[in-house]
C-alpha cells in the first residue's frame, strides 16, 4: 500500500502539469466593483481636500482682511504688537485713513480721540438725581433737610452750603501721553475738575457765586483745573468750562426772595443812573447851546463895535473939517432909519428968528379921498 501511495503522489520538487489539479481563477465581477469604489473614494477625497484648501484660503484671506481698519479724522491710532507699540515716538501715531495690522491676538489697535472734543462732568457738589430725571428735566422732590450721604454740596467762603456742578470740554493734544502714561487719564481729569470746583467755592461768598460774580467764579474754576492738568502733564488742552450753581432746594424760596430784592434794587439803581445821565446830558447840551450863543453874540458885538469904530475913524477928519455939516448928515441918516416905516412924516426946521414953531395935529381926521385922474383934453 505504501508503494501505491508513493506512486500516486508526485515527488516533492517535481511537477506534472497533466496530473496537477487545475487552479480556479477569481471571478472578475467583485474585483471590478472594488476598483470603482476605490476610485470614487479617491475622487471624493481629492474633492474634499480641494474644498478644505479653498475654505482654508478663504479663512486666511478673511483673517488677513480683518486687519484693515479706518481711523476717523478726529482720531489717531497706535498698533500694539504683543502689547508693545510697533513704532516709537510720533511715528507710532497713525493718521486718518485706511490702515492694516495683524488681527488679534497678534496686534491690537488702540484708537485715541485727537481733535475731538471730550467732556467730563463734576457732580461732587450737586444733589442726588437719577439719569432719567436729568434727561427729562424733572427735579427730584425736596426733602426736609440735606442728606450728606446722598446729596453733594460745597461750602462757600462765608460758610454757606450751595449746590454747584461743572462741565469741562477738552481735546487731546498728545495721544501717547494721554493713553499710555496714565491708567485712566479721564479719571485724572475728573479728579482735577472736582478739586477745582471745591477750591473755587471756598474762595467766594454765597452771593458772589449765585449773583454778583458768577463769571469770575467760572473763570476761577477753569483757571485752577487748567493749572492742575498742566502740572500732571496729561497731554490735553482745556477748551471751555461751564459752571452752574443753585442754592439748597429747601432754601430756594428764601434765596428767590433775596434775588428778587437784589434785582429790584439793581433795576432802581439803573433807572436812577439813566435819569441822572439824561439830566446831565440835557444840562450839557443846554450849557453848550448857551455858551455857543454867547460866543456868537460876543463875536457879533465885537465885530459891530469894530465896524462902528472904523466908520468913526473914517469920518473923524471930515467932522474936524466941517462939524455942522457932518452932524446934519448923520442926523438925516438916523432920521431916515427911524422914519423908514412911518406913514406920515412931518419935518419942522428951525425958524430964522429962532422962535419956536407951533404944530397942530388932527388925530381924528377923515382919510382924504383919492383925487380923480386928470382928464385928457380932446
Protein backbone atom coordinates (compact mmCIF):
# COMPACT_ATOMS: atom_id res chain seq x y z
CA UNK A 1 0.00 0.00 0.00
CA UNK A 2 2.84 2.32 0.68
CA UNK A 3 4.12 1.81 -2.86
CA UNK A 4 0.80 2.62 -4.28
CA UNK A 5 0.68 5.66 -2.06
CA UNK A 6 4.12 6.78 -3.08
CA UNK A 7 3.37 6.33 -6.78
CA UNK A 8 0.10 8.08 -6.58
CA UNK A 9 1.69 11.32 -5.01
CA UNK A 10 4.29 13.03 -7.13
CA UNK A 11 7.64 13.59 -5.67
CA UNK A 12 8.38 16.84 -3.97
CA UNK A 13 10.15 19.24 -6.28
CA UNK A 14 8.76 17.73 -9.47
CA UNK A 15 5.56 18.81 -11.02
CA UNK A 16 3.47 17.09 -13.52
CA UNK A 17 1.18 19.55 -15.24
CA UNK A 18 -1.05 16.91 -16.60
CA UNK A 19 -1.56 15.33 -13.23
CA UNK A 20 -1.82 18.64 -11.19
CA UNK A 21 -5.22 19.95 -10.15
CA UNK A 22 -6.39 22.90 -12.25
CA UNK A 23 -6.32 26.48 -10.46
CA UNK A 24 -9.70 28.15 -10.41
CA UNK A 25 -9.38 31.91 -11.33
CA UNK A 26 -11.18 34.60 -9.18
CA UNK A 27 -14.40 35.82 -10.58
CA UNK A 28 -13.90 39.14 -12.41
CA UNK A 29 -17.08 40.84 -11.11
CA UNK A 30 -16.10 41.68 -7.48
CA UNK A 31 -12.64 42.92 -8.47
CA UNK A 32 -14.12 45.48 -10.90
CA UNK A 33 -16.59 46.69 -8.27
CA UNK A 34 -13.80 47.19 -5.68
CA UNK A 35 -11.73 49.25 -8.17
CA UNK A 36 -14.69 51.56 -8.95
CA UNK A 37 -15.38 52.18 -5.24
CA UNK A 38 -11.74 52.98 -4.54
CA UNK A 39 -11.67 55.34 -7.45
CA UNK A 40 -14.85 57.08 -6.28
CA UNK A 41 -13.48 57.35 -2.76
CA UNK A 42 -10.24 58.77 -4.10
CA UNK A 43 -12.16 61.31 -6.17
CA UNK A 44 -14.23 62.24 -3.14
CA UNK A 45 -11.12 62.63 -1.03
CA UNK A 46 -9.50 64.79 -3.67
CA UNK A 47 -12.66 66.95 -3.94
CA UNK A 48 -12.88 67.26 -0.17
CA UNK A 49 -9.22 68.18 0.07
CA UNK A 50 -9.73 70.83 -2.58
CA UNK A 51 -12.73 72.23 -0.73
CA UNK A 52 -10.79 72.20 2.55
CA UNK A 53 -7.91 74.03 0.91
CA UNK A 54 -10.29 76.54 -0.63
CA UNK A 55 -12.03 77.09 2.70
CA UNK A 56 -8.66 77.50 4.42
CA UNK A 57 -7.55 80.01 1.80
CA UNK A 58 -10.81 81.91 2.25
CA UNK A 59 -10.45 81.84 6.03
CA UNK A 60 -6.85 83.02 5.81
CA UNK A 61 -7.97 85.79 3.44
CA UNK A 62 -10.77 86.78 5.81
CA UNK A 63 -8.34 86.64 8.72
CA UNK A 64 -5.92 88.95 6.94
CA UNK A 65 -8.68 91.24 5.68
CA UNK A 66 -9.98 91.63 9.21
CA UNK A 67 -6.78 93.51 9.94
CA UNK A 68 -7.92 96.52 7.90
CA UNK A 69 -9.27 99.40 9.98
CA UNK A 70 -10.23 103.04 9.44
CA UNK A 71 -9.06 105.98 11.54
CA UNK A 72 -11.55 108.84 11.67
CA UNK A 73 -10.45 112.46 11.07
CA UNK A 74 -10.80 113.24 14.81
CA UNK A 75 -8.77 110.19 15.85
CA UNK A 76 -5.25 108.81 15.92
CA UNK A 77 -4.37 105.12 16.21
CA UNK A 78 -1.47 103.11 17.66
CA UNK A 79 -0.70 99.49 16.78
CA UNK A 80 0.40 97.33 19.69
CA UNK A 81 2.17 94.10 18.74
CA UNK A 82 2.05 91.69 21.66
CA UNK A 83 1.41 94.68 23.94
CA UNK A 84 4.23 96.96 22.72
CA UNK A 85 3.93 99.83 20.19
CA UNK A 86 5.19 98.93 16.73
CA UNK A 87 6.96 102.29 16.36
CA UNK A 88 8.39 104.82 18.77
CA UNK A 89 7.56 108.47 19.35
CA UNK A 90 5.35 110.44 16.98
CA UNK A 91 5.88 107.78 14.28
CA UNK A 92 3.67 105.42 16.25
CA UNK A 93 0.62 107.58 15.56
CA UNK A 94 -1.45 106.65 12.54
CA UNK A 95 -3.38 109.47 10.93
CA UNK A 96 -6.86 109.43 9.40
CA UNK A 97 -7.49 106.90 6.66
CA UNK A 98 -7.33 103.16 5.94
CA UNK A 99 -4.64 101.10 7.70
CA UNK A 100 -3.77 97.43 8.24
CA UNK A 101 -2.45 95.44 11.16
CA UNK A 102 -2.23 91.79 12.05
CA UNK A 103 -5.51 90.65 13.56
CA UNK A 104 -5.92 89.77 17.22
CA UNK A 105 -4.14 88.30 19.13
CA UNK A 106 -1.01 89.41 17.27
CA UNK A 107 -1.77 93.11 17.01
CA UNK A 108 -4.10 95.38 18.91
CA UNK A 109 -5.29 98.70 17.50
CA UNK A 110 -5.84 101.47 20.06
CA UNK A 111 -7.84 104.44 18.72
CA UNK A 112 -7.32 107.71 20.59
CA UNK A 113 -9.53 110.81 20.23
CA UNK A 114 -7.29 113.60 18.94
CA UNK A 115 -9.07 116.78 17.86
CA UNK A 116 -12.47 115.59 19.00
CA UNK A 117 -13.86 117.48 21.99
CA UNK A 118 -14.07 115.32 25.13
CA UNK A 119 -16.45 116.05 28.01
CA UNK A 120 -16.11 115.47 31.74
CA UNK A 121 -18.78 116.42 34.31
CA UNK A 122 -18.25 117.06 38.01
CA UNK A 123 -21.24 116.39 40.28
CA UNK A 124 -19.32 116.38 43.54
CA UNK A 125 -21.32 119.42 44.65
CA UNK A 126 -24.69 118.52 43.10
CA UNK A 127 -27.75 116.97 44.69
CA UNK A 128 -28.77 113.37 44.02
CA UNK A 129 -30.61 112.94 40.72
CA UNK A 130 -31.23 109.93 38.51
CA UNK A 131 -30.21 109.90 34.82
CA UNK A 132 -33.88 109.62 33.85
CA UNK A 133 -34.80 112.72 35.85
CA UNK A 134 -31.88 114.68 34.42
CA UNK A 135 -32.75 113.66 30.86
CA UNK A 136 -36.40 114.69 31.27
CA UNK A 137 -35.58 117.88 33.20
CA UNK A 138 -37.60 116.71 36.18
CA UNK A 139 -36.42 117.92 39.58
CA UNK A 140 -36.41 115.41 42.44
CA UNK A 141 -38.65 116.34 45.38
CA UNK A 142 -37.06 118.40 48.13
CA UNK A 143 -36.58 116.66 51.45
CA UNK A 144 -36.87 118.22 54.90
CA UNK A 145 -33.09 118.65 55.06
CA UNK A 146 -29.88 117.97 53.19
CA UNK A 147 -28.73 114.36 53.20
CA UNK A 148 -24.90 114.41 53.08
CA UNK A 149 -24.73 110.69 52.32
CA UNK A 150 -26.65 111.19 49.07
CA UNK A 151 -26.57 114.88 48.13
CA UNK A 152 -23.36 116.59 47.14
CA UNK A 153 -22.59 120.16 48.16
CA UNK A 154 -19.82 122.73 48.53
CA UNK A 155 -19.10 125.22 51.30
CA UNK A 156 -18.56 128.86 50.35
CA UNK A 157 -16.06 131.26 51.91
CA UNK A 158 -18.71 132.67 54.28
CA UNK A 159 -19.74 129.21 55.48
CA UNK A 160 -22.92 128.66 53.40
CA UNK A 161 -23.88 125.43 51.61
CA UNK A 162 -24.78 125.53 47.91
CA UNK A 163 -25.06 123.09 45.02
CA UNK A 164 -22.75 123.53 42.04
CA UNK A 165 -21.58 121.42 39.13
CA UNK A 166 -19.18 121.90 36.24
CA UNK A 167 -18.75 120.55 32.71
CA UNK A 168 -15.25 120.59 31.20
CA UNK A 169 -14.61 120.44 27.46
CA UNK A 170 -11.10 119.45 26.37
CA UNK A 171 -9.22 117.86 23.48
CA UNK A 172 -6.24 115.51 23.42
CA UNK A 173 -3.03 117.20 22.23
CA UNK A 174 -0.57 114.36 22.95
CA UNK A 175 -2.31 110.99 22.42
CA UNK A 176 0.67 108.91 23.56
CA UNK A 177 0.85 110.58 26.97
CA UNK A 178 -2.92 110.55 27.33
CA UNK A 179 -3.26 106.84 26.53
CA UNK A 180 -0.09 105.21 27.85
CA UNK A 181 1.32 107.40 30.63
CA UNK A 182 -1.81 107.04 32.76
CA UNK A 183 -4.01 104.09 33.62
CA UNK A 184 -7.12 106.23 33.09
CA UNK A 185 -6.48 109.80 32.03
CA UNK A 186 -10.20 110.64 32.05
CA UNK A 187 -10.33 109.82 35.76
CA UNK A 188 -7.41 112.19 36.34
CA UNK A 189 -9.32 114.93 34.51
CA UNK A 190 -12.41 114.16 36.61
CA UNK A 191 -10.44 114.45 39.85
CA UNK A 192 -8.86 117.73 38.76
CA UNK A 193 -12.28 119.20 37.93
CA UNK A 194 -13.69 118.13 41.31
CA UNK A 195 -10.69 119.69 43.04
CA UNK A 196 -11.06 122.97 41.13
CA UNK A 197 -14.77 123.22 41.94
CA UNK A 198 -14.19 122.78 45.69
CA UNK A 199 -11.20 125.17 45.57
CA UNK A 200 -13.14 127.96 43.86
CA UNK A 201 -16.19 127.60 46.12
CA UNK A 202 -14.02 128.07 49.21
CA UNK A 203 -12.83 131.47 47.92
CA UNK A 204 -16.17 133.08 47.04
CA UNK A 205 -19.14 134.09 49.18
CA UNK A 206 -22.57 132.68 48.51
CA UNK A 207 -23.80 135.95 46.98
CA UNK A 208 -20.76 136.14 44.71
CA UNK A 209 -21.27 132.58 43.45
CA UNK A 210 -25.01 132.91 42.86
CA UNK A 211 -25.44 136.53 41.74
CA UNK A 212 -22.62 139.07 41.88
CA UNK A 213 -19.55 137.30 40.45
CA UNK A 214 -20.89 134.32 38.51
CA UNK A 215 -18.49 134.84 35.60
CA UNK A 216 -15.46 135.30 37.85
CA UNK A 217 -16.34 132.12 39.75
CA UNK A 218 -16.49 130.15 36.48
CA UNK A 219 -13.16 131.64 35.34
CA UNK A 220 -11.56 130.66 38.67
CA UNK A 221 -12.72 127.05 38.25
CA UNK A 222 -11.38 126.91 34.68
CA UNK A 223 -8.04 128.51 35.62
CA UNK A 224 -7.45 126.14 38.53
CA UNK A 225 -8.36 122.97 36.62
CA UNK A 226 -6.11 124.07 33.74
CA UNK A 227 -3.22 124.56 36.17
CA UNK A 228 -3.74 121.12 37.73
CA UNK A 229 -3.87 119.39 34.34
CA UNK A 230 -0.73 121.18 33.14
CA UNK A 231 1.12 120.11 36.29
CA UNK A 232 0.08 116.49 35.70
CA UNK A 233 1.18 116.72 32.03
CA UNK A 234 -1.79 114.76 30.71
CA UNK A 235 -1.29 115.94 27.14
CA UNK A 236 -4.67 117.68 26.86
CA UNK A 237 -5.85 121.24 26.21
CA UNK A 238 -8.83 122.76 28.05
CA UNK A 239 -11.27 124.42 25.66
CA UNK A 240 -14.13 125.57 27.88
CA UNK A 241 -15.62 125.14 31.33
CA UNK A 242 -19.31 125.63 32.19
CA UNK A 243 -20.45 126.03 35.80
CA UNK A 244 -23.99 126.06 37.22
CA UNK A 245 -24.73 126.95 40.84
CA UNK A 246 -28.01 126.97 42.78
CA UNK A 247 -28.96 127.34 46.46
CA UNK A 248 -30.09 124.33 48.52
CA UNK A 249 -33.54 123.19 47.44
CA UNK A 250 -35.03 123.57 50.91
CA UNK A 251 -33.92 127.24 50.98
CA UNK A 252 -34.89 128.07 47.41
CA UNK A 253 -37.87 130.34 48.34
CA UNK A 254 -35.69 132.44 50.65
CA UNK A 255 -32.93 132.73 48.05
CA UNK A 256 -35.51 133.62 45.40
CA UNK A 257 -36.85 136.42 47.61
CA UNK A 258 -33.32 137.77 48.13
CA UNK A 259 -32.62 137.52 44.41
CA UNK A 260 -35.87 139.39 43.64
CA UNK A 261 -34.94 142.15 46.10
CA UNK A 262 -31.46 142.44 44.61
CA UNK A 263 -32.93 142.55 41.12
CA UNK A 264 -35.40 145.26 42.14
CA UNK A 265 -32.62 147.29 43.77
CA UNK A 266 -30.49 146.88 40.68
CA UNK A 267 -33.34 148.00 38.43
CA UNK A 268 -33.99 151.04 40.64
CA UNK A 269 -30.31 151.92 40.64
CA UNK A 270 -30.14 151.54 36.88
CA UNK A 271 -33.22 153.74 36.44
CA UNK A 272 -31.69 156.39 38.68
CA UNK A 273 -28.43 156.26 36.77
CA UNK A 274 -30.33 156.53 33.50
CA UNK A 275 -32.27 159.55 34.74
CA UNK A 276 -29.09 161.15 36.05
CA UNK A 277 -27.39 160.58 32.73
CA UNK A 278 -30.40 162.05 30.91
CA UNK A 279 -30.43 165.17 33.08
CA UNK A 280 -26.68 165.60 32.84
CA UNK A 281 -26.84 165.14 29.10
CA UNK A 282 -29.62 167.73 28.73
CA UNK A 283 -27.77 170.16 31.01
CA UNK A 284 -24.61 169.65 29.00
CA UNK A 285 -26.47 170.33 25.75
CA UNK A 286 -28.19 173.42 27.18
CA UNK A 287 -24.92 174.74 28.55
CA UNK A 288 -23.25 174.17 25.21
CA UNK A 289 -26.12 175.96 23.44
CA UNK A 290 -25.95 178.96 25.78
CA UNK A 291 -22.19 179.07 25.52
CA UNK A 292 -22.31 178.95 21.74
CA UNK A 293 -24.99 181.67 21.64
CA UNK A 294 -22.94 183.89 23.96
CA UNK A 295 -19.83 183.26 21.89
CA UNK A 296 -21.70 184.17 18.70
CA UNK A 297 -23.13 187.32 20.34
CA UNK A 298 -19.69 188.30 21.57
CA UNK A 299 -18.26 187.88 18.08
CA UNK A 300 -21.16 189.86 16.59
CA UNK A 301 -20.87 192.66 19.14
CA UNK A 302 -17.12 192.90 18.77
CA UNK A 303 -17.47 192.96 15.01
CA UNK A 304 -20.20 195.62 15.17
CA UNK A 305 -18.25 197.82 17.56
CA UNK A 306 -15.14 197.44 15.45
CA UNK A 307 -17.11 198.40 12.35
CA UNK A 308 -18.52 201.47 14.15
CA UNK A 309 -15.05 202.41 15.34
CA UNK A 310 -13.66 202.07 11.83
CA UNK A 311 -16.51 204.19 10.45
CA UNK A 312 -15.99 206.78 13.17
CA UNK A 313 -12.30 206.92 12.41
CA UNK A 314 -13.13 207.44 8.73
CA UNK A 315 -15.47 210.40 9.28
CA UNK A 316 -13.49 211.95 12.13
CA UNK A 317 -11.22 214.02 9.83
CA UNK A 318 -14.29 215.29 7.89
CA UNK A 319 -16.01 216.19 11.15
CA UNK A 320 -12.99 218.20 12.22
CA UNK A 321 -13.11 219.99 8.89
CA UNK A 322 -16.86 220.82 8.98
CA UNK A 323 -18.58 219.69 12.18
CA UNK A 324 -22.04 221.18 11.41
CA UNK A 325 -22.26 219.57 8.00
CA UNK A 326 -21.26 216.15 9.29
CA UNK A 327 -23.71 216.47 12.19
CA UNK A 328 -26.58 217.30 9.83
CA UNK A 329 -25.65 214.42 7.55
CA UNK A 330 -25.58 211.98 10.43
CA UNK A 331 -28.85 213.35 11.78
CA UNK A 332 -30.50 212.97 8.41
CA UNK A 333 -29.28 209.36 8.10
CA UNK A 334 -30.53 208.50 11.57
CA UNK A 335 -33.91 210.15 10.97
CA UNK A 336 -34.22 208.26 7.71
CA UNK A 337 -33.57 204.98 9.53
CA UNK A 338 -36.06 205.79 12.27
CA UNK A 339 -38.80 207.02 9.96
CA UNK A 340 -38.42 204.29 7.35
CA UNK A 341 -41.81 202.63 8.10
CA UNK A 342 -43.71 205.79 9.30
CA UNK A 343 -46.81 206.63 7.25
CA UNK A 344 -46.71 210.42 7.76
CA UNK A 345 -43.51 212.38 8.11
CA UNK A 346 -43.51 215.99 9.30
CA UNK A 347 -40.26 217.89 9.44
CA UNK A 348 -40.09 221.24 11.25
CA UNK A 349 -36.95 223.19 10.53
CA UNK A 350 -35.87 225.91 12.88
CA UNK A 351 -37.15 229.38 12.22
CA UNK A 352 -34.72 232.02 11.10
CA UNK A 353 -35.67 234.25 14.01
CA UNK A 354 -35.08 231.45 16.50
CA UNK A 355 -38.68 231.29 17.63
CA UNK A 356 -40.47 228.00 18.16
CA UNK A 357 -42.88 226.70 15.61
CA UNK A 358 -46.35 225.54 16.54
CA UNK A 359 -47.52 222.12 15.33
CA UNK A 360 -51.17 221.11 15.45
CA UNK A 361 -52.19 217.52 14.72
CA UNK A 362 -55.73 216.43 13.89
CA UNK A 363 -55.91 212.91 15.27
CA UNK A 364 -59.48 212.05 14.21
CA UNK A 365 -59.38 213.38 10.72
CA UNK A 366 -61.01 211.54 7.87
CA UNK A 367 -58.82 209.98 5.29
CA UNK A 368 -58.52 212.08 2.15
CA UNK A 369 -60.46 210.92 -0.83
CA UNK A 370 -58.37 209.92 -3.76
CA UNK A 371 -58.08 212.57 -6.37
CA UNK A 372 -59.68 211.77 -9.73
CA UNK A 373 -57.38 211.25 -12.60
CA UNK A 374 -56.91 214.30 -14.77
CA UNK A 375 -58.96 214.21 -17.95
CA UNK A 376 -57.10 214.25 -21.19
CA UNK A 377 -58.18 217.20 -23.48
CA UNK A 378 -59.65 216.18 -26.80
